[in-house]
Protein backbone atom coordinates (compact mmCIF):
# COMPACT_ATOMS: atom_id res chain seq x y z
CA MET A 1 -0.04 -0.01 0.01
CA VAL A 2 1.28 3.56 -0.95
CA TYR A 3 1.04 6.32 1.78
CA LYS A 4 0.97 10.11 0.92
CA PHE A 5 1.97 12.90 3.25
CA ASN A 6 3.20 16.35 2.51
CA GLY A 7 3.59 15.62 -1.15
CA LYS A 8 5.75 12.52 -0.62
CA LEU A 9 4.95 8.77 -1.25
CA PHE A 10 5.84 6.09 1.22
CA THR A 11 5.66 2.33 0.44
CA ASP A 12 6.73 1.36 3.98
CA PHE A 13 4.18 1.99 6.86
CA ASN A 14 6.87 2.60 9.43
CA ASP A 15 8.52 5.25 7.21
CA TYR A 16 5.21 6.98 6.88
CA LYS A 17 4.80 6.95 10.70
CA THR A 18 8.19 8.25 11.27
CA ALA A 19 7.40 11.17 8.72
CA LEU A 20 4.21 11.97 10.60
CA LYS A 21 5.89 11.98 13.94
CA GLU A 22 8.81 14.28 12.68
CA SER A 23 6.33 16.76 11.02
CA SER A 24 5.09 20.11 12.68
CA ASN A 25 1.27 19.64 11.88
CA ARG A 26 0.66 15.95 12.42
CA PHE A 27 3.03 14.58 15.02
CA ASN A 28 0.27 13.24 17.07
CA SER A 29 -0.96 10.74 14.52
CA TYR A 30 -1.30 7.19 15.70
CA ALA A 31 -0.48 8.30 19.43
CA PRO A 32 -2.94 6.90 22.08
CA TRP A 33 -6.03 9.35 22.82
CA SER A 34 -6.07 10.63 26.40
CA ASN A 35 -9.48 11.46 28.20
CA ASP A 36 -8.52 15.14 28.05
CA GLU A 37 -8.05 15.04 24.23
CA ASP A 38 -11.21 13.01 23.80
CA GLU A 39 -13.04 15.82 25.67
CA THR A 40 -11.30 18.60 23.74
CA LEU A 41 -12.33 16.89 20.52
CA LEU A 42 -15.93 16.41 21.32
CA LYS A 43 -16.14 20.17 22.56
CA GLY A 44 -14.61 21.35 19.32
CA TYR A 45 -16.82 19.09 17.39
CA ASP A 46 -19.99 20.27 19.27
CA GLU A 47 -18.95 23.88 18.58
CA GLY A 48 -19.01 23.20 14.76
CA LEU A 49 -15.39 22.91 13.97
CA SER A 50 -14.73 20.86 10.59
CA ILE A 51 -12.71 17.65 10.40
CA LYS A 52 -9.90 19.77 9.00
CA GLN A 53 -9.92 22.28 11.75
CA LEU A 54 -9.97 19.45 14.23
CA SER A 55 -6.99 17.79 12.65
CA ASP A 56 -4.89 20.93 12.71
CA LEU A 57 -5.90 21.55 16.35
CA HIS A 58 -5.06 18.02 17.47
CA LYS A 59 -2.06 17.55 15.07
CA ARG A 60 -3.46 14.40 13.85
CA ARG A 61 -4.51 12.91 10.38
CA ARG A 62 -8.15 13.65 9.29
CA GLY A 63 -8.83 9.88 9.00
CA GLY A 64 -7.78 9.63 12.79
CA ILE A 65 -9.98 12.42 13.80
CA ARG A 66 -12.97 10.80 11.74
CA SER A 67 -12.29 7.38 13.20
CA ARG A 68 -12.08 8.76 16.84
CA LEU A 69 -15.39 10.77 16.44
CA LYS A 70 -16.95 7.64 15.13
CA LYS A 71 -15.99 5.70 18.05
CA LEU A 72 -17.13 8.38 20.50
CA ARG A 73 -20.17 9.65 18.73
CA PRO A 74 -21.28 6.69 16.39
CA GLU A 75 -24.91 8.14 16.30
CA ASP A 76 -23.57 11.25 14.43
CA PHE A 77 -22.16 9.20 11.57
CA SER A 78 -24.60 6.55 11.04
CA PHE A 79 -26.22 8.54 8.17
CA GLU A 80 -23.21 7.47 6.02
CA ASP A 81 -24.82 3.95 5.80
CA GLU A 82 -28.52 5.06 5.69
CA ASN A 83 -30.86 6.50 3.04
CA PHE A 84 -33.01 8.58 5.48
CA PRO A 85 -31.62 10.86 8.12
CA GLN A 86 -31.19 9.95 11.86
CA GLU A 87 -33.64 11.83 14.21
CA VAL A 88 -32.09 14.94 15.47
CA PHE A 89 -34.30 15.32 18.61
CA LYS A 90 -35.78 12.58 20.89
CA ASP A 91 -39.52 12.06 20.93
CA ASN A 92 -39.57 13.07 24.42
CA ILE A 93 -38.19 16.62 24.28
CA LEU A 94 -38.43 17.21 28.13
CA LEU A 95 -36.12 13.99 28.47
CA GLN A 96 -33.87 15.71 25.80
CA VAL A 97 -33.59 18.80 27.72
CA VAL A 98 -32.72 17.11 31.03
CA GLU A 99 -30.03 14.94 29.22
CA ASP A 100 -28.53 18.07 27.53
CA LEU A 101 -28.52 19.72 31.01
CA GLN A 102 -26.91 16.81 32.63
CA ASN A 103 -24.19 16.83 29.97
CA LEU A 104 -23.69 20.51 30.30
CA HIS A 105 -23.49 20.19 34.02
CA LYS A 106 -20.89 17.37 33.95
CA LYS A 107 -18.65 19.29 31.30
CA GLU A 108 -18.99 22.87 32.53
CA LEU A 109 -21.47 23.89 35.25
CA SER A 110 -20.15 21.52 38.08
CA ARG A 111 -16.72 23.18 37.57
CA GLU A 112 -18.06 26.67 38.54
CA GLU A 113 -17.71 28.17 41.79
CA ASN A 114 -20.51 27.53 44.24
CA THR A 115 -22.24 25.04 41.89
CA PRO A 116 -23.20 21.67 43.37
CA THR A 117 -21.23 18.93 41.69
CA LYS A 118 -24.12 16.44 42.08
CA PHE A 119 -26.80 16.84 39.46
CA ILE A 120 -29.75 16.31 41.86
CA SER A 121 -28.29 18.90 44.08
CA TYR A 122 -27.84 21.38 41.11
CA LEU A 123 -31.61 20.85 40.09
CA ARG A 124 -32.58 21.65 43.62
CA ASN A 125 -30.55 24.85 43.64
CA LEU A 126 -32.56 25.75 40.53
CA LYS A 127 -35.98 25.39 42.20
CA PRO A 128 -36.26 28.78 43.85
CA GLY A 129 -35.40 30.41 40.63
CA LEU A 130 -38.10 28.35 38.90
CA ASP A 131 -40.77 29.34 41.47
CA LYS A 132 -39.72 33.06 41.05
CA PHE A 133 -39.77 32.89 37.34
CA SER A 134 -43.12 31.31 37.22
CA ARG A 135 -44.58 34.03 39.43
CA ALA A 136 -43.27 36.77 37.42
CA ILE A 137 -44.57 35.29 34.15
CA ARG A 138 -48.20 34.95 35.76
CA LYS A 139 -48.07 38.62 36.94
CA ARG A 140 -47.17 39.93 33.42
CA LYS A 141 -50.48 38.77 31.84
CA GLY A 142 -49.26 37.97 28.31
CA ASP A 143 -46.36 40.69 28.28
CA VAL A 144 -43.42 38.32 27.95
CA ARG A 145 -40.58 40.87 28.17
CA MET A 146 -38.33 39.80 30.95
CA PRO A 147 -34.49 39.81 31.65
CA TYR A 148 -33.73 36.56 30.00
CA ILE A 149 -30.04 37.14 29.79
CA ASP A 150 -29.31 35.23 33.06
CA GLN A 151 -27.90 31.78 32.40
CA ASN A 152 -30.14 30.14 35.00
CA THR A 153 -33.20 31.81 33.77
CA GLN A 154 -32.56 30.38 30.25
CA ILE A 155 -32.11 26.79 31.75
CA ILE A 156 -35.37 27.08 33.74
CA TYR A 157 -37.11 28.40 30.52
CA CYS A 158 -36.06 25.30 28.51
CA LEU A 159 -37.01 23.01 31.27
CA LYS A 160 -40.46 24.63 31.69
CA TYR A 161 -41.44 25.16 28.15
CA PHE A 162 -39.41 23.32 25.39
CA HIS A 163 -41.34 20.19 25.52
CA ALA A 164 -44.53 22.05 24.69
CA TYR A 165 -43.64 25.01 22.57
CA TRP A 166 -42.06 23.01 19.45
CA ARG A 167 -45.62 21.63 18.86
CA GLN A 168 -47.20 24.89 17.79
CA ILE A 169 -45.32 25.48 14.65
CA TYR A 170 -45.25 21.81 13.97
CA ASP A 171 -49.03 21.61 13.79
CA ALA A 172 -49.12 24.77 11.48
CA LEU A 173 -46.61 23.42 9.07
CA ASN A 174 -48.52 20.22 8.81
CA PHE A 175 -51.71 22.20 8.06
CA ILE A 176 -50.05 24.04 5.03
CA LYS A 177 -47.95 21.02 4.09
CA LYS A 178 -49.73 20.36 0.65
CA ASP A 179 -49.15 23.87 -0.52
CA LEU A 180 -45.82 24.30 1.14
CA LEU A 181 -44.28 21.02 -0.39
CA VAL A 182 -45.63 20.43 -3.82
CA GLU A 183 -45.60 16.83 -4.80
CA ASN A 184 -42.73 15.78 -7.04
CA GLU A 185 -41.18 19.33 -6.78
CA ARG A 186 -38.29 19.47 -4.43
CA GLU A 187 -38.31 23.09 -3.27
CA ASP A 188 -35.78 25.32 -1.63
CA LEU A 189 -37.57 26.57 1.38
CA LYS A 190 -36.85 29.84 3.30
CA ILE A 191 -38.28 30.14 6.73
CA ALA A 192 -38.04 33.21 9.09
CA LEU A 193 -38.59 33.16 12.83
CA PHE A 194 -38.94 36.61 14.22
CA CYS A 195 -38.41 37.40 17.95
CA ALA A 196 -37.01 33.98 17.87
CA GLY A 197 -35.60 33.88 21.39
CA PRO A 198 -34.24 30.32 22.36
CA ALA A 199 -36.10 29.04 19.20
CA PRO A 200 -37.78 25.79 20.16
CA GLU A 201 -39.52 26.28 16.84
CA ILE A 202 -36.45 24.71 15.30
CA ILE A 203 -37.44 21.43 17.06
CA GLY A 204 -40.83 21.45 15.41
CA ILE A 205 -39.45 22.53 11.98
CA THR A 206 -36.85 19.66 12.17
CA LYS A 207 -39.42 16.95 13.08
CA PHE A 208 -41.61 18.16 10.15
CA LEU A 209 -38.59 18.08 7.65
CA GLU A 210 -37.63 14.66 8.95
CA GLU A 211 -41.10 13.37 8.13
CA ASN A 212 -41.11 15.10 4.76
CA PHE A 213 -37.46 14.29 3.74
CA GLU A 214 -37.98 13.45 0.25
CA ASN A 215 -40.20 16.44 -0.59
CA TYR A 216 -37.85 19.43 -0.39
CA ASN A 217 -34.38 20.14 -1.46
CA SER A 218 -32.84 22.49 0.99
CA VAL A 219 -34.08 24.91 3.88
CA GLU A 220 -32.88 28.22 5.09
CA ILE A 221 -33.83 29.20 8.63
CA HIS A 222 -33.40 32.88 9.44
CA LEU A 223 -33.55 33.98 13.24
CA TYR A 224 -34.31 37.59 13.98
CA ASP A 225 -33.84 38.99 17.43
CA GLN A 226 -33.37 42.31 19.07
CA ILE A 227 -30.13 41.24 20.73
CA ASN A 228 -28.29 37.89 20.91
CA GLU A 229 -29.14 37.15 24.62
CA TRP A 230 -30.48 33.57 23.87
CA ASP A 231 -27.19 32.20 22.46
CA PHE A 232 -26.54 30.20 25.47
CA ALA A 233 -29.93 28.29 25.38
CA ARG A 234 -29.61 27.77 21.66
CA LYS A 235 -25.99 26.41 21.92
CA ASN A 236 -26.77 23.99 24.90
CA PHE A 237 -30.28 22.79 24.10
CA ILE A 238 -30.94 23.30 20.41
CA PHE A 239 -27.47 22.86 18.64
CA SER A 240 -25.66 20.96 21.39
CA ASN A 241 -24.12 17.46 21.13
CA GLY A 242 -23.93 17.39 17.41
CA LYS A 243 -27.66 18.31 16.57
CA LYS A 244 -26.58 21.38 14.75
CA ARG A 245 -24.37 19.18 12.55
CA LEU A 246 -27.14 16.60 12.05
CA MET A 247 -29.52 19.34 11.03
CA GLU A 248 -27.05 20.71 8.41
CA LYS A 249 -25.75 17.50 7.03
CA HIS A 250 -28.83 15.17 7.21
CA LEU A 251 -31.50 17.60 6.62
CA ASN A 252 -29.65 20.30 4.65
CA ILE A 253 -30.65 23.14 6.85
CA ASN A 254 -28.62 26.37 6.79
CA PHE A 255 -29.07 28.71 9.70
CA HIS A 256 -28.68 32.63 9.47
CA PHE A 257 -28.75 35.02 12.29
CA HIS A 258 -29.98 38.68 12.28
CA GLN A 259 -30.49 41.54 14.83
CA ILE A 260 -33.52 43.81 14.48
CA ASP A 261 -35.64 45.77 16.99
CA LEU A 262 -39.24 45.43 15.75
CA THR A 263 -40.35 48.07 18.14
CA ASN A 264 -37.81 50.63 16.54
CA LYS A 265 -39.11 52.54 13.52
CA PHE A 266 -35.71 53.08 12.11
CA ASP A 267 -34.85 49.32 12.36
CA LEU A 268 -38.11 48.64 10.34
CA ASP A 269 -37.54 51.32 7.88
CA ARG A 270 -34.22 49.64 6.92
CA PHE A 271 -35.63 46.23 6.74
CA ASN A 272 -36.13 46.26 2.92
CA LEU A 273 -36.29 42.51 2.11
CA SER A 274 -39.18 41.70 -0.02
CA ASP A 275 -40.72 38.69 -1.67
CA PHE A 276 -38.14 36.21 -0.05
CA TYR A 277 -39.68 34.02 2.54
CA ASP A 278 -42.10 30.95 2.16
CA VAL A 279 -42.96 30.97 5.86
CA ILE A 280 -42.81 33.68 8.54
CA SER A 281 -43.37 32.76 12.20
CA PHE A 282 -44.11 34.87 15.28
CA GLN A 283 -44.53 32.63 18.19
CA ASN A 284 -45.27 33.44 21.89
CA CYS A 285 -43.87 36.88 21.39
CA LEU A 286 -46.71 39.27 20.36
CA GLY A 287 -46.75 40.50 23.91
CA GLU A 288 -43.46 42.15 23.38
CA PHE A 289 -45.26 44.71 21.29
CA SER A 290 -47.82 47.33 22.54
CA GLN A 291 -50.71 45.84 24.69
CA THR A 292 -53.33 48.39 23.35
CA SER A 293 -55.09 46.88 20.37
CA ARG A 294 -56.19 50.49 19.34
CA ASP A 295 -52.62 51.82 19.16
CA ASP A 296 -51.54 51.77 15.67
CA SER A 297 -47.76 51.56 16.53
CA SER A 298 -48.53 48.15 18.04
CA LYS A 299 -48.90 46.92 14.40
CA ASN A 300 -45.79 48.30 12.96
CA PHE A 301 -43.86 45.23 13.41
CA LEU A 302 -46.20 43.51 10.84
CA LYS A 303 -44.41 45.53 8.07
CA VAL A 304 -41.80 42.69 7.84
CA LEU A 305 -44.58 40.69 6.16
CA LYS A 306 -43.42 42.46 3.02
CA SER A 307 -40.51 39.87 2.98
CA LEU A 308 -43.01 37.12 2.51
CA LYS A 309 -43.42 35.76 -1.03
CA SER A 310 -46.89 36.26 -2.56
CA GLU A 311 -49.25 33.20 -1.85
CA SER A 312 -46.93 32.25 0.96
CA PHE A 313 -47.56 31.87 4.71
CA ALA A 314 -47.34 33.88 8.06
CA ILE A 315 -47.92 31.78 11.18
CA PHE A 316 -48.87 33.58 14.49
CA SER A 317 -49.21 31.38 17.52
CA GLU A 318 -49.75 32.50 21.26
CA ARG A 319 -50.47 30.68 24.40
CA ARG A 320 -53.99 31.33 25.57
CA ILE A 321 -53.29 33.10 28.89
CA ARG A 322 -54.51 36.25 30.28
CA GLY A 323 -53.63 39.27 27.85
CA THR A 324 -52.81 37.41 24.81
CA GLN A 325 -56.10 37.31 23.09
CA GLN A 326 -55.86 41.02 22.06
CA ASN A 327 -52.53 40.29 20.42
CA ILE A 328 -53.93 37.78 17.95
CA GLU A 329 -56.91 40.29 17.46
CA ARG A 330 -54.44 42.90 16.29
CA VAL A 331 -53.18 40.53 13.66
CA ARG A 332 -56.65 39.73 12.44
CA ASP A 333 -57.28 43.38 12.09
CA TYR A 334 -54.04 43.79 10.09
CA ALA A 335 -55.03 40.83 7.84
CA SER A 336 -58.50 42.36 7.03
CA THR A 337 -57.05 45.64 6.00
CA LYS A 338 -54.33 44.16 3.98
CA LYS A 339 -56.41 41.72 2.19
CA TYR A 340 -54.57 38.57 3.75
CA GLN A 341 -56.62 35.43 3.63
CA ILE A 342 -57.12 33.88 6.99
CA LEU A 343 -56.48 30.07 6.18
CA LYS A 344 -56.68 28.80 9.66
CA ASP A 345 -57.76 30.33 12.91
CA TYR A 346 -57.96 27.76 15.86
CA SER A 347 -57.40 27.13 19.55
CA LYS A 348 -55.98 23.95 20.89
CA ASN A 349 -55.54 22.26 24.48
CA LYS A 350 -52.64 20.00 23.46
CA THR A 351 -51.40 17.38 25.83
CA VAL A 352 -47.57 17.76 25.48
CA ILE A 353 -46.25 14.94 27.76
CA LYS A 354 -47.86 12.11 29.61
CA GLU A 355 -47.32 11.53 33.40
CA ASN A 356 -45.17 8.39 32.86
CA ASN A 357 -42.87 10.14 30.37
CA ILE A 358 -41.86 12.78 32.83
CA PRO A 359 -38.12 12.14 33.83
CA GLU A 360 -38.32 11.16 37.37
CA ILE A 361 -35.16 13.08 38.43
CA ILE A 362 -36.74 16.50 37.91
CA CYS A 363 -39.86 15.58 40.10
CA ASN A 364 -40.29 14.68 43.65
CA GLY A 365 -39.26 18.04 44.90
CA ASN A 366 -35.78 18.08 43.03
CA LEU A 367 -37.15 20.77 40.71
CA PHE A 368 -40.96 20.16 39.98
CA ARG A 369 -43.26 19.04 42.66
CA ASP A 370 -44.62 15.44 43.08
CA PRO A 371 -47.01 14.25 40.36
CA ASP A 372 -49.70 13.73 43.17
CA HIS A 373 -49.30 17.53 44.09
CA SER A 374 -48.40 16.56 47.58
CA SER A 375 -45.78 18.98 47.91
CA PRO A 376 -45.66 22.63 47.06
CA GLY A 377 -43.96 24.09 44.00
CA GLU A 378 -44.50 24.22 40.26
CA SER A 379 -45.92 21.29 38.13
CA VAL A 380 -44.46 20.12 34.84
CA MET A 381 -46.46 21.73 32.06
CA LYS A 382 -48.51 18.84 30.62
CA THR A 383 -51.01 20.72 28.43
CA ASN A 384 -50.37 23.77 26.13
CA LYS A 385 -53.35 25.94 25.53
CA PHE A 386 -52.63 27.99 22.43
CA GLN A 387 -54.21 30.08 19.74
CA THR A 388 -52.86 29.91 15.97
CA LEU A 389 -53.54 32.06 13.15
CA ILE A 390 -52.19 31.22 9.50
CA LEU A 391 -52.46 34.00 6.81
CA LEU A 392 -51.95 33.73 3.25
CA LYS A 393 -50.24 36.60 1.54
CA PRO A 394 -52.42 37.77 -1.41
CA LYS A 395 -51.34 37.12 -4.96
CA LYS A 396 -49.79 40.13 -6.53
CA LYS A 397 -52.19 42.28 -8.64
CA ILE A 398 -51.70 42.92 -12.29
CA ILE A 399 -51.74 46.66 -12.66
CA SER A 400 -52.16 48.45 -15.90
CA GLU A 401 -49.05 50.14 -17.64
CA ASP A 402 -50.31 53.64 -16.95
CA LYS A 403 -50.97 53.05 -13.32
CA THR A 404 -47.65 51.25 -12.87
CA LYS A 405 -45.78 54.15 -14.34
CA LYS A 406 -47.58 56.58 -12.11
CA TYR A 407 -46.81 54.39 -9.04
CA ARG A 408 -43.03 54.12 -9.96
CA GLU A 409 -42.88 57.86 -10.38
CA THR A 410 -44.43 58.38 -6.97
CA ARG A 411 -42.30 55.76 -5.33
CA LEU A 412 -39.26 57.26 -6.93
CA GLN A 413 -39.95 60.74 -5.64
CA ARG A 414 -40.46 59.29 -1.98
CA GLN A 415 -37.23 57.27 -2.32
CA LEU A 416 -35.19 60.19 -3.45
CA GLN A 417 -36.50 62.42 -0.63
CA LYS A 418 -35.78 59.54 1.78
CA MET A 419 -32.18 59.37 0.53
CA GLU A 420 -31.72 63.10 0.60
CA SER A 421 -32.53 63.26 4.24
CA HIS A 422 -30.71 59.99 5.12
CA PRO A 423 -27.55 60.37 7.46
CA TYR A 424 -25.45 58.13 5.30
CA ARG A 425 -26.58 59.43 1.87
CA ASN A 426 -23.09 60.29 0.63
CA SER A 427 -22.06 56.53 0.73
CA PHE A 428 -24.70 55.30 -1.64
CA SER A 429 -23.00 57.09 -4.61
CA ASN A 430 -19.78 55.01 -4.05
CA PHE A 431 -21.43 51.78 -5.30
CA LYS A 432 -20.12 50.84 -8.86
CA ILE A 433 -20.84 47.96 -11.26
CA GLY A 434 -18.44 45.17 -10.38
CA ASP A 435 -18.16 45.95 -6.67
CA ASP A 436 -17.96 42.99 -4.31
CA VAL A 437 -20.69 43.47 -1.58
CA VAL A 438 -22.20 41.72 1.34
CA HIS A 439 -25.66 41.83 2.52
CA SER A 440 -26.57 40.74 6.00
CA SER A 441 -29.56 38.56 4.77
CA LEU A 442 -28.48 37.55 1.26
CA GLY A 443 -24.80 37.03 1.72
CA GLN A 444 -21.95 37.74 -0.68
CA GLY A 445 -22.55 39.13 -4.16
CA LYS A 446 -21.33 41.36 -7.02
CA ILE A 447 -22.87 44.36 -8.49
CA LYS A 448 -23.92 43.73 -12.18
CA SER A 449 -25.79 46.95 -12.82
CA THR A 450 -27.36 49.98 -11.08
CA ILE A 451 -30.62 51.72 -11.52
CA LYS A 452 -30.43 55.57 -11.64
CA SER A 453 -33.04 58.34 -11.48
CA VAL A 454 -33.48 61.23 -13.98
CA THR A 455 -31.08 63.22 -11.85
CA ASP A 456 -28.41 60.45 -12.19
CA ASN A 457 -28.72 59.31 -8.48
CA ILE A 458 -28.23 55.64 -7.76
CA ILE A 459 -31.56 54.38 -6.42
CA ALA A 460 -31.09 50.59 -6.41
CA LEU A 461 -28.44 47.94 -7.16
CA VAL A 462 -28.82 44.83 -9.33
CA ILE A 463 -26.67 42.17 -7.56
CA GLU A 464 -25.62 38.73 -8.30
CA PHE A 465 -25.50 36.76 -4.99
CA GLU A 466 -23.42 33.66 -4.66
CA ASP A 467 -26.20 31.69 -2.94
CA TYR A 468 -29.03 32.54 -5.55
CA THR A 469 -29.30 31.76 -9.31
CA GLN A 470 -31.26 34.90 -10.14
CA THR A 471 -30.08 38.50 -9.61
CA LYS A 472 -31.77 40.50 -6.87
CA THR A 473 -32.58 44.11 -6.83
CA VAL A 474 -31.72 45.96 -3.54
CA ASN A 475 -33.33 49.44 -3.20
CA LEU A 476 -31.53 52.25 -1.58
CA PRO A 477 -30.97 53.48 1.14
CA CYS A 478 -30.09 50.11 2.58
CA GLU A 479 -27.71 49.65 5.60
CA GLU A 480 -27.71 45.87 5.30
CA ILE A 481 -25.39 46.10 2.27
CA LYS A 482 -21.74 46.88 2.43
CA LYS A 483 -18.72 46.89 -0.08
CA THR A 484 -16.13 44.21 0.67
CA GLN A 485 -13.61 45.69 -1.60
CA ASN A 486 -13.21 48.47 -4.17
CA THR A 487 -13.26 47.38 -7.81
CA TYR A 488 -11.23 49.48 -10.23
């Protein structure tokens, strides 16, 4: 057998091993693995490092890295011998969260100062926080704005809600399935989760895609949030222990993360993405906006629906607790004024977990109270009462040529006025054909042409993006787009 390394060929295996050992970048190849190195390997793997990056980090051959991962995490590589993807999440999501937390406690939390080293003791330490969090939620009557940045608060949230909240979008996707996934046409889907938070919706989307694996091509999931305060929860309960890699490799899901404050008019004005998404979702978050249904400002956030393709779907789903009904009512009002069709408007009392499926370790006073309610404290959430509204965006109207011309002239005048008063107006004239640019939502691209007004101002860019087969027109002003280099 012939071995190749650093451009040289070796016919003798011992000579090959010697060359590896004497090299500066692969000298650990064929050396025994220590427990510490295994731990470092798995940590890098869970954080998304590639086989090449892990190979460079550990100074070992790529084949050696892959073989070790297969031994330590055989479930992550089982797809190589299967036609259908391995399930990313367990059927029992509460058990999944508990096991993820146990793993996190073992690897990281138990090493923190003043943190119990035994997992049961650690759970008991969380109990006062759970009681305090639950009382605060009940007082807010549907307004979900809270200081979630605290690490323990995020852990409590995942234990309390994840096993229930994934089902809301899962049910809605199954309702629109026939229109979303056209038979014998493998589509590229684009889904936006606004006010995504810890994003339990990803669990529901993943389970839906696993059941319909042969009916789509790829999926982009875009997560929009005001700030990235939920990174801890996503990292440790959604993407942890190889789950993100499974979603990307098995289900062909690509994730994109964006920051936007939907209560900020300036942020909304510069959100100029249109006709892009197949599905938009707002879940358990409408309480973040004005609590007064008569207040027009409370509907401003719905301007993001312009990013939805025509004849595509907007899903609004809220828990049916005090104060949330008016949130859904605001969306109904908006739908009627904008000619959106209400495809489905329904309430559900969904059983989300049965008594015998609740992990025993979190009961009996360790975190939640006894199943027979014989002790004080919070109970595991067994039923999710929620209201879901599914809207269909209307088909684009065919407008006569005269009306189209008049509309474009009026729109052009408004756009020029907007650019003239914009604080960054001088930078828009710097764009040239051939410039390489990057758009925060659409990625890398190159300017193919520009659209100018009669006064020779650039008002739009026609860009060929790397990830899309057709060019896209980006109207100015747009702060989501920047030049990556100058082209002369």
